[in-house]
Structure formats: C-alpha cells, structure tokens
C-alpha atoms as a PDB file:
ATOM      1  CA  MET A   1      -0.275   1.163 -14.871  1.00  0.00           C
ATOM      2  CA  LYS A   2       2.349  -1.059 -13.257  1.00  0.00           C
ATOM      3  CA  ILE A   3       1.909  -3.149 -10.098  1.00  0.00           C
ATOM      4  CA  TYR A   4       4.822  -3.980  -7.788  1.00  0.00           C
ATOM      5  CA  LYS A   5       4.700  -6.335  -4.776  1.00  0.00           C
ATOM      6  CA  ILE A   6       6.669  -4.902  -1.874  1.00  0.00           C
ATOM      7  CA  ASN A   7       8.608  -7.310   0.346  1.00  0.00           C
ATOM      8  CA  PRO A   8       7.173  -7.148   3.904  1.00  0.00           C
ATOM      9  CA  ASN A   9      10.697  -6.630   5.264  1.00  0.00           C
ATOM     10  CA  ASP A  10      11.161  -3.536   3.090  1.00  0.00           C
ATOM     11  CA  THR A  11       7.897  -1.669   3.670  1.00  0.00           C
ATOM     12  CA  GLU A  12       9.261   0.988   6.034  1.00  0.00           C
ATOM     13  CA  GLU A  13      12.078   1.900   3.634  1.00  0.00           C
ATOM     14  CA  PHE A  14       9.655   1.847   0.712  1.00  0.00           C
ATOM     15  CA  TYR A  15       7.287   4.314   2.405  1.00  0.00           C
ATOM     16  CA  LYS A  16      10.214   6.625   3.139  1.00  0.00           C
ATOM     17  CA  SER A  17      11.317   6.410  -0.505  1.00  0.00           C
ATOM     18  CA  ILE A  18       7.934   7.707  -1.715  1.00  0.00           C
ATOM     19  CA  GLY A  19       7.996  10.669   0.666  1.00  0.00           C
ATOM     20  CA  CYS A  20       6.541   9.534   3.992  1.00  0.00           C
ATOM     21  CA  GLU A  21       8.132  10.929   7.119  1.00  0.00           C
ATOM     22  CA  SER A  22       9.834   8.421   9.420  1.00  0.00           C
ATOM     23  CA  ALA A  23       6.976   8.311  11.942  1.00  0.00           C
ATOM     24  CA  GLY A  24       4.370   7.814   9.213  1.00  0.00           C
ATOM     25  CA  ALA A  25       6.473   5.158   7.496  1.00  0.00           C
ATOM     26  CA  LYS A  26       6.754   3.247  10.773  1.00  0.00           C
ATOM     27  CA  ILE A  27       2.971   3.352  11.327  1.00  0.00           C
ATOM     28  CA  LEU A  28       2.181   2.301   7.751  1.00  0.00           C
ATOM     29  CA  SER A  29       4.804  -0.430   7.884  1.00  0.00           C
ATOM     30  CA  SER A  30       3.213  -1.946  10.991  1.00  0.00           C
ATOM     31  CA  LYS A  31      -0.090  -2.160   9.065  1.00  0.00           C
ATOM     32  CA  SER A  32       1.499  -3.719   5.973  1.00  0.00           C
ATOM     33  CA  HIS A  33       1.720  -7.286   7.212  1.00  0.00           C
ATOM     34  CA  ILE A  34      -0.550  -8.923   4.616  1.00  0.00           C
ATOM     35  CA  ASN A  35       0.407  -7.750   1.123  1.00  0.00           C
ATOM     36  CA  THR A  36       1.746  -4.391   0.097  1.00  0.00           C
ATOM     37  CA  LEU A  37       1.316  -3.460  -3.527  1.00  0.00           C
ATOM     38  CA  PHE A  38       2.607  -0.331  -5.218  1.00  0.00           C
ATOM     39  CA  ILE A  39       0.467   0.528  -8.226  1.00  0.00           C
ATOM     40  CA  LYS A  40       2.219   3.121 -10.350  1.00  0.00           C
ATOM     41  CA  ASP A  41       0.215   5.503 -12.560  1.00  0.00           C
ATOM     42  CA  LEU A  42      -3.155   4.448 -11.120  1.00  0.00           C
ATOM     43  CA  HIS A  43      -5.876   7.037 -11.759  1.00  0.00           C
ATOM     44  CA  THR A  44      -7.180   8.687  -8.569  1.00  0.00           C
ATOM     45  CA  GLY A  45     -10.731   7.489  -9.204  1.00  0.00           C
ATOM     46  CA  ALA A  46      -9.549   3.917  -9.621  1.00  0.00           C
ATOM     47  CA  ALA A  47      -7.503   4.196  -6.415  1.00  0.00           C
ATOM     48  CA  ASN A  48     -10.594   5.326  -4.487  1.00  0.00           C
ATOM     49  CA  ILE A  49     -12.629   2.422  -5.863  1.00  0.00           C
ATOM     50  CA  LEU A  50      -9.862  -0.025  -4.913  1.00  0.00           C
ATOM     51  CA  LYS A  51      -9.683   1.462  -1.403  1.00  0.00           C
ATOM     52  CA  LYS A  52     -13.460   1.104  -0.940  1.00  0.00           C
ATOM     53  CA  LEU A  53     -13.331  -2.448  -2.260  1.00  0.00           C
ATOM     54  CA  CYS A  54     -10.648  -3.337   0.283  1.00  0.00           C
ATOM     55  CA  LYS A  55     -12.671  -1.850   3.146  1.00  0.00           C
ATOM     56  CA  THR A  56     -16.033  -3.401   2.251  1.00  0.00           C
ATOM     57  CA  THR A  57     -15.199  -6.926   1.067  1.00  0.00           C
ATOM     58  CA  GLN A  58     -12.989  -9.859   1.875  1.00  0.00           C
ATOM     59  CA  PHE A  59     -10.578  -8.619  -0.818  1.00  0.00           C
ATOM     60  CA  MET A  60      -7.706  -8.154   1.656  1.00  0.00           C
ATOM     61  CA  LYS A  61      -8.162 -11.650   3.139  1.00  0.00           C
ATOM     62  CA  MET A  62      -7.716 -13.546  -0.137  1.00  0.00           C
END
C-alpha cells in the first residue's frame, strides 16, 4: 500500500487521471478542500472501514 497526498490545486486533474468524467471530477474536486489522499493498493475492506471512520469520527477534522 502506498499513500500519496494530492495538492488541492490538482484534485480535478487527478480525478480525471483515475477515470472520472469531467462533471464528476469537478464535483469531487469541490469537496476535496481539506486533504486528499490517494491510497494505492488498499484492500476494499480496508477502504470501507476508512470511509466509515471518516464519516463517524472527527478523523477528517484533524
């Protein structure tokens, strides 16, 4: 597993580079104002746990 921090100014281009359509990339980019991390080779189960953690705790506000 590798973790990459995405520059806030580059989020829209990053989302396009991983296959998002332009409209989706624009929406995701507008929501990526805190920290955007790209975690490569993360197991699906671990990704779901991380997503739940972000929704239910102060994890995203640290």
